[in-house]
Structure formats: C-alpha cells, structure tokens
C-alpha cells in the first residue's frame, strides 16, 4: 500500500486594484475686504472724528499722573539729611554731626568767633559751600 503525500497549497491573496484618484479642481477661497471707516470729511483727516488721538492722550496723562504719585511715596531724596541738633542756647552740638567733611568746615562757620555756631551761621556756611561747587 502506497501512501500518497498530500501537499497543501497556500491560499492565494487577492490584490485589490487601486482605483485612480480623479484630480479635483482647487477650491476657490473668497477674500472679504475689511470694512474701512469712511470719514465724512474724506479719508485721512485731522478732524478728530476717529478719536485715536484722544485715547492715546488720555492713556499718556494717566501714566504720567500715576508715575508722579508713585514717585512721592517710593523715591528718596538724592542727598541725605545730616540731622544737625542745636542746644537750648541755640548753639550747634558738634557730636550730632557724623560727616567728617562737614566737621572740618565747622571752624570756618563761626563768623563772630565766640565758639558758638548759630543757625544763621550754619545757613551762611551751607550757602557758601553750594556757591563753591
């Protein structure tokens, strides 16, 4: 008895044929022009009917005012105060002055040479120092 060999055939895949794609016409896009404000005076005029100037001017004024208000509270003076103290007789207390340059110039401030530097003499010394600059 002879045995027959059976050979199994592989299934054949069907190849789907691609359909040709039809070329389509490009789509047309409609461009809508922006609406332009027509001035009764005719186009670009300086009559102020557009209001752009006043809006910008108002913003500028608000920024300027707010800057001035902030400067009053946050900016410090450019020169420090020396906190000069005077006694009951109206004479300067030299220990209250911490600036060594000012202490050196105090000897020239005593105009009447009585050993007491008054407020008026101090004021005159400051004026002469500012004039020297």
N, C-alpha and C. Protein backbone atom coordinates (compact mmCIF):
# COMPACT_ATOMS: atom_id res chain seq x y z
N UNK A 1 0.80 -1.13 0.00
CA UNK A 1 0.00 0.00 0.00
C UNK A 1 0.87 1.24 0.00
N UNK A 2 0.61 1.87 -0.87
CA UNK A 2 1.42 3.06 -1.05
C UNK A 2 0.68 4.27 -0.47
N UNK A 3 1.44 5.05 0.24
CA UNK A 3 0.82 6.23 0.85
C UNK A 3 1.01 7.43 -0.07
N UNK A 4 -0.02 8.12 -0.19
CA UNK A 4 0.01 9.31 -1.02
C UNK A 4 0.35 10.54 -0.17
N UNK A 5 1.20 11.30 -0.65
CA UNK A 5 1.52 12.52 0.05
C UNK A 5 0.59 13.63 -0.44
N UNK A 6 -0.01 14.26 0.50
CA UNK A 6 -0.88 15.37 0.11
C UNK A 6 -0.16 16.70 0.38
N UNK A 7 -0.14 17.49 -0.57
CA UNK A 7 0.53 18.79 -0.44
C UNK A 7 -0.55 19.85 -0.31
N UNK A 8 -0.38 20.62 0.71
CA UNK A 8 -1.36 21.68 0.96
C UNK A 8 -0.92 22.94 0.21
N UNK A 9 -1.80 23.51 -0.52
CA UNK A 9 -1.48 24.73 -1.26
C UNK A 9 -1.77 25.94 -0.37
N UNK A 10 -0.88 26.92 -0.44
CA UNK A 10 -1.07 28.15 0.32
C UNK A 10 -2.18 28.96 -0.33
N UNK A 11 -3.01 29.59 0.50
CA UNK A 11 -4.08 30.37 -0.08
C UNK A 11 -3.52 31.58 -0.84
N UNK A 12 -4.08 31.89 -1.90
CA UNK A 12 -3.64 32.99 -2.75
C UNK A 12 -4.38 34.25 -2.30
N UNK A 13 -3.59 35.29 -2.02
CA UNK A 13 -4.19 36.55 -1.58
C UNK A 13 -4.61 37.34 -2.81
N UNK A 14 -5.74 37.93 -2.67
CA UNK A 14 -6.21 38.76 -3.78
C UNK A 14 -5.65 40.17 -3.59
N UNK A 15 -5.08 40.67 -4.61
CA UNK A 15 -4.55 42.02 -4.59
C UNK A 15 -5.62 42.93 -5.13
N UNK A 16 -6.00 43.88 -4.25
CA UNK A 16 -7.05 44.80 -4.68
C UNK A 16 -6.44 45.86 -5.58
N UNK A 17 -7.01 46.07 -6.66
CA UNK A 17 -6.52 47.06 -7.60
C UNK A 17 -6.91 48.44 -7.11
N UNK A 18 -5.94 49.36 -7.10
CA UNK A 18 -6.21 50.72 -6.65
C UNK A 18 -6.91 51.47 -7.76
N UNK A 19 -7.93 52.15 -7.33
CA UNK A 19 -8.66 52.95 -8.30
C UNK A 19 -7.91 54.26 -8.50
N UNK A 20 -7.79 54.73 -9.69
CA UNK A 20 -7.11 56.01 -9.90
C UNK A 20 -7.94 57.14 -9.30
N UNK A 21 -7.21 58.06 -8.59
CA UNK A 21 -7.86 59.20 -7.94
C UNK A 21 -8.05 60.28 -8.99
N UNK A 22 -9.24 60.74 -9.07
CA UNK A 22 -9.54 61.79 -10.04
C UNK A 22 -9.02 63.12 -9.49
N UNK A 23 -8.36 63.88 -10.31
CA UNK A 23 -7.84 65.18 -9.87
C UNK A 23 -9.01 66.15 -9.74
N UNK A 24 -8.97 66.82 -8.54
CA UNK A 24 -10.05 67.77 -8.29
C UNK A 24 -9.54 69.18 -8.56
N UNK A 25 -10.42 70.02 -8.95
CA UNK A 25 -10.08 71.42 -9.21
C UNK A 25 -9.81 72.10 -7.86
N UNK A 26 -8.84 72.98 -7.77
CA UNK A 26 -8.57 73.67 -6.50
C UNK A 26 -9.78 74.47 -6.07
N UNK A 27 -9.96 74.48 -4.71
CA UNK A 27 -11.10 75.22 -4.16
C UNK A 27 -10.80 76.70 -4.20
N UNK A 28 -11.77 77.49 -4.51
CA UNK A 28 -11.60 78.93 -4.54
C UNK A 28 -11.98 79.48 -3.17
N UNK A 29 -11.15 80.37 -2.67
CA UNK A 29 -11.39 80.99 -1.37
C UNK A 29 -11.78 82.44 -1.61
N UNK A 30 -12.87 82.83 -1.00
CA UNK A 30 -13.32 84.21 -1.15
C UNK A 30 -12.67 85.06 -0.07
N UNK A 31 -12.02 86.10 -0.47
CA UNK A 31 -11.38 87.01 0.46
C UNK A 31 -12.31 88.20 0.67
N UNK A 32 -12.64 88.41 1.95
CA UNK A 32 -13.53 89.52 2.28
C UNK A 32 -12.67 90.70 2.70
N UNK A 33 -12.82 91.81 2.06
CA UNK A 33 -12.05 93.01 2.38
C UNK A 33 -12.56 93.58 3.70
N UNK A 34 -11.64 94.05 4.57
CA UNK A 34 -12.08 94.64 5.84
C UNK A 34 -12.85 95.93 5.59
N UNK A 35 -13.77 96.18 6.48
CA UNK A 35 -14.60 97.37 6.36
C UNK A 35 -13.78 98.57 6.81
N UNK A 36 -13.63 99.53 5.99
CA UNK A 36 -12.85 100.72 6.29
C UNK A 36 -13.82 101.82 6.69
N UNK A 37 -13.47 102.50 7.79
CA UNK A 37 -14.31 103.59 8.26
C UNK A 37 -14.19 104.76 7.29
N UNK A 38 -15.27 105.16 6.81
CA UNK A 38 -15.29 106.30 5.89
C UNK A 38 -15.61 107.56 6.69
N UNK A 39 -14.69 108.45 6.67
CA UNK A 39 -14.86 109.70 7.39
C UNK A 39 -15.74 110.63 6.55
N UNK A 40 -16.64 111.36 7.17
CA UNK A 40 -17.46 112.28 6.38
C UNK A 40 -16.61 113.39 5.75
N UNK A 41 -15.43 113.62 6.30
CA UNK A 41 -14.55 114.65 5.73
C UNK A 41 -13.77 114.09 4.55
N UNK A 42 -13.69 112.77 4.47
CA UNK A 42 -13.00 112.17 3.34
C UNK A 42 -11.65 111.58 3.72
N UNK A 43 -11.66 110.33 4.10
CA UNK A 43 -10.41 109.57 4.29
C UNK A 43 -9.60 109.98 5.50
N UNK A 44 -8.31 110.22 5.29
CA UNK A 44 -7.37 110.52 6.36
C UNK A 44 -7.40 112.01 6.66
N UNK A 45 -8.11 112.35 7.69
CA UNK A 45 -8.21 113.77 8.03
C UNK A 45 -7.79 113.97 9.47
N UNK A 46 -7.62 115.18 9.87
CA UNK A 46 -7.22 115.51 11.23
C UNK A 46 -8.36 116.14 12.01
N UNK A 47 -9.58 115.80 11.67
CA UNK A 47 -10.71 116.42 12.35
C UNK A 47 -10.98 115.80 13.70
N UNK A 48 -10.39 114.65 14.00
CA UNK A 48 -10.56 114.02 15.30
C UNK A 48 -11.78 113.14 15.39
N UNK A 49 -12.41 112.86 14.27
CA UNK A 49 -13.62 112.05 14.32
C UNK A 49 -13.30 110.60 14.64
N UNK A 50 -12.06 110.18 14.44
CA UNK A 50 -11.69 108.80 14.74
C UNK A 50 -11.47 108.59 16.23
N UNK A 51 -11.02 109.60 16.97
CA UNK A 51 -10.83 109.52 18.41
C UNK A 51 -9.55 108.84 18.83
N UNK A 52 -8.68 108.49 17.90
CA UNK A 52 -7.44 107.80 18.26
C UNK A 52 -6.51 108.71 19.06
N UNK A 53 -6.44 109.97 18.70
CA UNK A 53 -5.55 110.90 19.39
C UNK A 53 -5.95 111.05 20.85
N UNK A 54 -7.23 111.22 21.11
CA UNK A 54 -7.68 111.45 22.48
C UNK A 54 -7.51 110.22 23.35
N UNK A 55 -7.66 109.03 22.77
CA UNK A 55 -7.44 107.82 23.55
C UNK A 55 -5.98 107.71 23.97
N UNK A 56 -5.07 107.96 23.03
CA UNK A 56 -3.64 107.89 23.34
C UNK A 56 -3.25 108.98 24.33
N UNK A 57 -3.81 110.16 24.16
CA UNK A 57 -3.51 111.27 25.05
C UNK A 57 -3.99 110.98 26.47
N UNK A 58 -5.17 110.39 26.61
CA UNK A 58 -5.71 110.05 27.92
C UNK A 58 -4.85 108.99 28.61
N UNK A 59 -4.40 108.00 27.88
CA UNK A 59 -3.53 106.97 28.46
C UNK A 59 -2.21 107.60 28.91
N UNK A 60 -1.66 108.51 28.12
CA UNK A 60 -0.42 109.19 28.48
C UNK A 60 -0.59 110.02 29.75
N UNK A 61 -1.69 110.72 29.89
CA UNK A 61 -1.94 111.53 31.08
C UNK A 61 -2.09 110.64 32.31
N UNK A 62 -2.80 109.53 32.18
CA UNK A 62 -2.99 108.62 33.32
C UNK A 62 -1.65 108.05 33.77
N UNK A 63 -0.81 107.64 32.82
CA UNK A 63 0.50 107.09 33.17
C UNK A 63 1.36 108.15 33.84
N UNK A 64 1.31 109.38 33.36
CA UNK A 64 2.09 110.46 33.94
C UNK A 64 1.65 110.76 35.38
N UNK A 65 0.35 110.81 35.61
CA UNK A 65 -0.17 111.09 36.95
C UNK A 65 0.17 109.96 37.92
N UNK A 66 0.01 108.72 37.48
CA UNK A 66 0.34 107.59 38.36
C UNK A 66 1.83 107.55 38.67
N UNK A 67 2.67 107.89 37.71
CA UNK A 67 4.10 107.94 37.96
C UNK A 67 4.46 109.01 38.97
N UNK A 68 3.81 110.15 38.90
CA UNK A 68 4.06 111.22 39.86
C UNK A 68 3.63 110.83 41.27
N UNK A 69 2.49 110.15 41.37
CA UNK A 69 2.03 109.72 42.69
C UNK A 69 2.95 108.66 43.29
N UNK A 70 3.43 107.76 42.46
CA UNK A 70 4.35 106.72 42.96
C UNK A 70 5.68 107.33 43.37
N UNK A 71 6.13 108.34 42.65
CA UNK A 71 7.42 108.96 42.97
C UNK A 71 7.39 109.62 44.34
N UNK A 72 6.24 110.17 44.74
CA UNK A 72 6.15 110.82 46.04
C UNK A 72 6.35 109.82 47.17
N UNK A 73 5.92 108.59 46.96
CA UNK A 73 5.98 107.61 48.04
C UNK A 73 7.22 106.73 48.00
N UNK A 74 7.77 106.47 46.83
CA UNK A 74 8.84 105.49 46.72
C UNK A 74 10.23 106.08 46.50
N UNK A 75 10.34 107.28 45.97
CA UNK A 75 11.65 107.85 45.69
C UNK A 75 12.17 108.57 46.93
N UNK A 76 13.45 108.39 47.19
CA UNK A 76 14.08 109.05 48.34
C UNK A 76 14.85 110.26 47.82
N UNK A 77 15.05 111.25 48.67
CA UNK A 77 15.81 112.42 48.22
C UNK A 77 17.24 112.03 47.87
N UNK A 78 17.85 112.78 46.97
CA UNK A 78 19.17 112.43 46.48
C UNK A 78 20.28 112.73 47.47
N UNK A 79 20.04 113.61 48.43
CA UNK A 79 21.06 113.93 49.42
C UNK A 79 20.54 113.56 50.81
N UNK A 80 21.37 112.93 51.63
CA UNK A 80 20.91 112.57 52.98
C UNK A 80 20.83 113.80 53.88
N UNK A 81 19.93 113.75 54.82
CA UNK A 81 19.82 114.82 55.80
C UNK A 81 20.87 114.57 56.88
N UNK A 82 21.44 115.65 57.41
CA UNK A 82 22.51 115.50 58.38
C UNK A 82 22.00 115.48 59.82
N UNK A 83 20.76 115.82 60.06
CA UNK A 83 20.15 115.82 61.39
C UNK A 83 21.02 116.58 62.39
N UNK A 84 21.19 117.83 62.11
CA UNK A 84 22.00 118.68 62.97
C UNK A 84 21.14 119.13 64.14
N UNK A 85 21.69 119.02 65.35
CA UNK A 85 20.95 119.39 66.56
C UNK A 85 21.58 120.63 67.20
N UNK A 86 20.70 121.44 67.80
CA UNK A 86 21.12 122.64 68.50
C UNK A 86 20.67 122.53 69.95
N UNK A 87 21.44 123.15 70.86
CA UNK A 87 21.07 123.09 72.28
C UNK A 87 20.10 124.23 72.61
N UNK A 88 19.81 124.41 73.90
CA UNK A 88 18.83 125.42 74.33
C UNK A 88 19.30 126.84 74.06
N UNK A 89 20.60 127.06 74.04
CA UNK A 89 21.14 128.40 73.79
C UNK A 89 21.17 128.74 72.30
N UNK A 90 20.89 127.77 71.45
CA UNK A 90 20.90 127.99 70.01
C UNK A 90 22.23 127.67 69.38
N UNK A 91 23.12 127.01 70.14
CA UNK A 91 24.44 126.65 69.62
C UNK A 91 24.40 125.23 69.04
N UNK A 92 25.26 125.01 68.08
CA UNK A 92 25.33 123.72 67.42
C UNK A 92 25.99 122.69 68.33
N UNK A 93 25.42 121.48 68.38
CA UNK A 93 26.04 120.37 69.11
C UNK A 93 26.88 119.61 68.10
N UNK A 94 28.21 119.69 68.21
CA UNK A 94 29.09 119.12 67.19
C UNK A 94 29.08 117.59 67.21
N UNK A 95 28.67 116.96 68.31
CA UNK A 95 28.59 115.49 68.37
C UNK A 95 27.44 114.94 67.52
N UNK A 96 26.47 115.79 67.17
CA UNK A 96 25.34 115.32 66.36
C UNK A 96 25.70 115.18 64.89
N UNK A 97 26.84 115.79 64.47
CA UNK A 97 27.27 115.73 63.07
C UNK A 97 28.19 114.52 62.90
N UNK A 98 27.84 113.65 61.96
CA UNK A 98 28.61 112.44 61.73
C UNK A 98 29.49 112.52 60.50
N UNK A 99 29.32 113.53 59.69
CA UNK A 99 30.08 113.67 58.45
C UNK A 99 31.43 114.34 58.76
N UNK A 100 32.54 113.64 58.48
CA UNK A 100 33.85 114.24 58.81
C UNK A 100 34.18 115.46 57.95
N UNK A 101 33.70 115.50 56.73
CA UNK A 101 33.97 116.65 55.87
C UNK A 101 33.27 117.90 56.40
N UNK A 102 32.07 117.71 56.93
CA UNK A 102 31.34 118.85 57.48
C UNK A 102 31.97 119.30 58.79
N UNK A 103 32.49 118.37 59.59
CA UNK A 103 33.15 118.74 60.84
C UNK A 103 34.40 119.59 60.59
N UNK A 104 35.10 119.30 59.48
CA UNK A 104 36.28 120.09 59.15
C UNK A 104 35.91 121.52 58.77
N UNK A 105 34.76 121.69 58.15
CA UNK A 105 34.36 123.04 57.70
C UNK A 105 33.63 123.83 58.77
N UNK A 106 33.43 123.25 59.96
CA UNK A 106 32.71 123.97 61.01
C UNK A 106 33.53 125.14 61.58
N UNK A 107 34.83 125.01 61.57
CA UNK A 107 35.66 126.10 62.13
C UNK A 107 35.48 127.37 61.32
N UNK A 108 35.24 127.24 60.02
CA UNK A 108 35.04 128.41 59.18
C UNK A 108 33.63 128.97 59.33
N UNK A 109 32.73 128.19 59.90
CA UNK A 109 31.34 128.64 60.02
C UNK A 109 31.14 129.64 61.15
N UNK A 110 32.02 129.62 62.14
CA UNK A 110 31.88 130.54 63.28
C UNK A 110 32.36 131.92 62.86
N UNK A 111 31.43 132.75 62.41
CA UNK A 111 31.77 134.07 61.84
C UNK A 111 32.21 135.05 62.92
N UNK A 112 31.49 135.10 64.05
CA UNK A 112 31.82 136.08 65.09
C UNK A 112 32.84 135.55 66.10
N UNK A 113 33.35 134.34 65.93
CA UNK A 113 34.43 133.74 66.74
C UNK A 113 34.12 133.72 68.24
N UNK A 114 32.87 133.40 68.59
CA UNK A 114 32.51 133.31 70.00
C UNK A 114 32.44 131.86 70.47
N UNK A 115 32.72 130.90 69.60
CA UNK A 115 32.72 129.48 69.97
C UNK A 115 31.35 128.83 69.85
N UNK A 116 30.37 129.58 69.41
CA UNK A 116 29.00 129.05 69.26
C UNK A 116 28.56 129.27 67.81
N UNK A 117 28.16 128.18 67.18
CA UNK A 117 27.70 128.28 65.79
C UNK A 117 26.17 128.27 65.81
N UNK A 118 25.58 129.39 65.41
CA UNK A 118 24.11 129.52 65.43
C UNK A 118 23.52 129.00 64.12
N UNK A 119 22.20 128.97 64.08
CA UNK A 119 21.50 128.51 62.86
C UNK A 119 21.80 129.43 61.67
N UNK A 120 21.87 130.72 61.93
CA UNK A 120 22.16 131.67 60.84
C UNK A 120 23.57 131.46 60.29
N UNK A 121 24.53 131.23 61.17
CA UNK A 121 25.90 130.99 60.71
C UNK A 121 25.99 129.67 59.92
N UNK A 122 25.24 128.68 60.38
CA UNK A 122 25.21 127.40 59.68
C UNK A 122 24.60 127.55 58.28
N UNK A 123 23.54 128.34 58.19
CA UNK A 123 22.88 128.58 56.91
C UNK A 123 23.83 129.30 55.95
N UNK A 124 24.58 130.28 56.45
CA UNK A 124 25.55 131.00 55.61
C UNK A 124 26.67 130.08 55.14
N UNK A 125 27.11 129.14 56.01
CA UNK A 125 28.16 128.21 55.62
C UNK A 125 27.67 127.30 54.49
N UNK A 126 26.43 126.83 54.59
CA UNK A 126 25.89 125.97 53.53
C UNK A 126 25.78 126.71 52.21
N UNK A 127 25.35 127.97 52.27
CA UNK A 127 25.24 128.76 51.04
C UNK A 127 26.63 128.93 50.39
N UNK A 128 27.63 129.19 51.20
CA UNK A 128 28.97 129.37 50.63
C UNK A 128 29.52 128.05 50.07
N UNK A 129 29.18 126.92 50.69
CA UNK A 129 29.62 125.63 50.18
C UNK A 129 28.97 125.33 48.83
N UNK A 130 27.68 125.67 48.67
CA UNK A 130 26.99 125.42 47.40
C UNK A 130 27.49 126.36 46.31
N UNK A 131 27.86 127.59 46.69
CA UNK A 131 28.38 128.52 45.68
C UNK A 131 29.76 128.08 45.19
N UNK A 132 30.52 127.42 46.08
CA UNK A 132 31.86 126.96 45.71
C UNK A 132 31.81 125.85 44.68
N UNK A 133 30.75 125.07 44.67
CA UNK A 133 30.63 123.97 43.70
C UNK A 133 30.44 124.53 42.32
